[in-house]
């Protein structure tokens, strides 16, 4: 196995599954650029809670960087050509896609109170229009 950092774009929304032990994991497929040779598909699986949560926040087309253990192989396509096979067990997920923001509570609205009671820093100043 090889420790690797793979970057690419999600080909579809990640899927959540549950293992035999009852713990959730996430599956995804990345489209990874290979320079002049086009792109190759990389299967991702994440078991670490933080990696699972981050991966499940992302959607199709999101740019992703995944670090973990890489298994490289070869498979034969439907057309009979040999192609690389990449399987990554990801323990870290990063993306340039922003995380969904939690809505902020609206500030409490206070009725306007005049003068010092409202903490007016200019209380007692002379108005420039009256001078």
Protein backbone atom coordinates (compact mmCIF):
# COMPACT_ATOMS: atom_id res chain seq x y z
CA UNK A 1 0.00 0.00 0.00
CA UNK A 2 1.08 3.56 -0.72
CA UNK A 3 0.37 6.67 1.35
CA UNK A 4 -0.98 9.21 -1.17
CA UNK A 5 -2.73 12.51 -1.71
CA UNK A 6 -5.20 12.34 -4.60
CA UNK A 7 -6.98 15.38 -6.00
CA UNK A 8 -9.90 15.47 -8.39
CA UNK A 9 -13.61 16.17 -8.77
CA UNK A 10 -16.52 14.17 -7.39
CA UNK A 11 -18.26 12.23 -10.18
CA UNK A 12 -21.45 11.81 -8.11
CA UNK A 13 -22.75 12.66 -4.66
CA UNK A 14 -21.01 10.58 -1.95
CA UNK A 15 -23.04 7.77 -0.40
CA UNK A 16 -23.30 6.84 3.26
CA UNK A 17 -23.40 3.18 4.25
CA UNK A 18 -23.30 1.31 7.54
CA UNK A 19 -20.79 -1.45 8.22
CA UNK A 20 -21.47 -4.77 9.96
CA UNK A 21 -20.18 -3.19 13.16
CA UNK A 22 -22.90 -0.50 12.92
CA UNK A 23 -20.46 2.33 12.17
CA UNK A 24 -21.12 4.61 9.18
CA UNK A 25 -18.70 4.97 6.28
CA UNK A 26 -18.78 6.96 3.04
CA UNK A 27 -18.15 5.98 -0.59
CA UNK A 28 -17.32 8.30 -3.48
CA UNK A 29 -15.71 8.32 -6.93
CA UNK A 30 -13.23 10.95 -8.04
CA UNK A 31 -12.32 11.94 -11.57
CA UNK A 32 -8.55 12.48 -11.35
CA UNK A 33 -6.58 14.38 -14.04
CA UNK A 34 -3.60 12.50 -15.56
CA UNK A 35 -1.99 15.30 -17.57
CA UNK A 36 -2.09 14.72 -21.33
CA UNK A 37 -3.53 11.22 -20.88
CA UNK A 38 -6.98 12.44 -19.80
CA UNK A 39 -8.57 11.40 -16.53
CA UNK A 40 -8.75 8.26 -14.40
CA UNK A 41 -11.38 7.21 -11.88
CA UNK A 42 -10.45 6.73 -8.21
CA UNK A 43 -12.73 4.97 -5.72
CA UNK A 44 -12.77 6.54 -2.25
CA UNK A 45 -13.89 4.98 1.00
CA UNK A 46 -13.73 6.82 4.33
CA UNK A 47 -14.15 5.27 7.79
CA UNK A 48 -12.81 8.05 10.07
CA UNK A 49 -15.72 10.06 11.52
CA UNK A 50 -14.35 13.46 10.44
CA UNK A 51 -13.53 12.27 6.92
CA UNK A 52 -16.99 10.67 6.57
CA UNK A 53 -18.73 13.86 7.74
CA UNK A 54 -16.70 16.12 5.44
CA UNK A 55 -17.14 13.87 2.41
CA UNK A 56 -20.92 13.66 2.92
CA UNK A 57 -21.16 17.48 2.90
CA UNK A 58 -19.87 17.61 -0.69
CA UNK A 59 -21.79 17.27 -3.96
CA UNK A 60 -21.12 16.23 -7.55
CA UNK A 61 -18.40 18.35 -9.18
CA UNK A 62 -16.78 19.47 -5.91
CA UNK A 63 -12.97 19.72 -5.98
CA UNK A 64 -11.56 17.27 -3.44
CA UNK A 65 -8.16 16.40 -2.01
CA UNK A 66 -8.12 13.06 -0.19
CA UNK A 67 -5.18 11.61 1.75
CA UNK A 68 -4.91 7.98 2.72
CA UNK A 69 -3.75 4.53 1.69
CA UNK A 70 -3.76 3.95 -2.08
CA UNK A 71 -4.04 0.61 -3.83
CA UNK A 72 -3.08 0.68 -7.52
CA UNK A 73 -4.25 -1.99 -9.93
CA UNK A 74 -5.31 -2.63 -13.52
CA UNK A 75 -8.74 -3.48 -14.90
CA UNK A 76 -9.89 -4.29 -18.39
CA UNK A 77 -12.55 -1.96 -19.76
CA UNK A 78 -15.55 -3.03 -21.85
CA UNK A 79 -13.57 -2.21 -24.98
CA UNK A 80 -10.78 -4.62 -23.96
CA UNK A 81 -8.18 -1.98 -23.06
CA UNK A 82 -6.25 -2.14 -19.79
CA UNK A 83 -6.78 0.85 -17.52
CA UNK A 84 -5.40 1.87 -14.13
CA UNK A 85 -7.49 1.14 -11.05
CA UNK A 86 -7.12 3.43 -8.02
CA UNK A 87 -8.71 2.67 -4.63
CA UNK A 88 -8.08 5.07 -1.75
CA UNK A 89 -8.96 4.46 1.90
CA UNK A 90 -9.16 8.13 2.88
CA UNK A 91 -8.51 9.32 6.41
CA UNK A 92 -8.44 13.03 5.53
CA UNK A 93 -10.69 14.99 3.17
CA UNK A 94 -10.24 18.62 2.11
CA UNK A 95 -12.17 20.68 -0.41
CA UNK A 96 -12.31 24.17 -1.81
CA UNK A 97 -16.08 23.87 -1.64
CA UNK A 98 -17.21 25.84 1.43
CA UNK A 99 -18.86 24.00 4.28
CA UNK A 100 -22.53 24.77 4.82
CA UNK A 101 -22.85 27.63 7.29
CA UNK A 102 -25.03 27.40 10.35
CA UNK A 103 -27.60 30.21 10.41
CA UNK A 104 -26.73 32.92 12.91
CA UNK A 105 -29.45 33.91 15.37
CA UNK A 106 -30.96 37.31 14.62
CA UNK A 107 -29.81 40.03 17.03
CA UNK A 108 -32.38 41.02 19.63
CA UNK A 109 -34.17 44.21 18.61
CA UNK A 110 -34.19 46.92 21.26
CA UNK A 111 -36.48 49.90 21.31
CA UNK A 112 -34.62 53.21 20.85
CA UNK A 113 -34.02 55.05 24.09
CA UNK A 114 -32.79 58.61 23.93
CA UNK A 115 -29.84 60.29 25.67
CA UNK A 116 -27.47 58.78 28.18
CA UNK A 117 -29.83 55.90 28.95
CA UNK A 118 -29.12 54.58 25.45
CA UNK A 119 -25.38 55.11 25.92
CA UNK A 120 -25.20 58.02 23.44
CA UNK A 121 -21.49 58.93 23.27
CA UNK A 122 -22.35 62.42 21.97
CA UNK A 123 -24.77 63.30 24.78
CA UNK A 124 -24.33 66.95 25.67
CA UNK A 125 -22.30 67.84 22.55
CA UNK A 126 -23.26 71.01 20.71
CA UNK A 127 -24.88 70.47 17.36
CA UNK A 128 -22.84 71.95 14.51
CA UNK A 129 -26.10 73.19 12.98
CA UNK A 130 -26.92 75.25 16.09
CA UNK A 131 -23.52 76.97 16.33
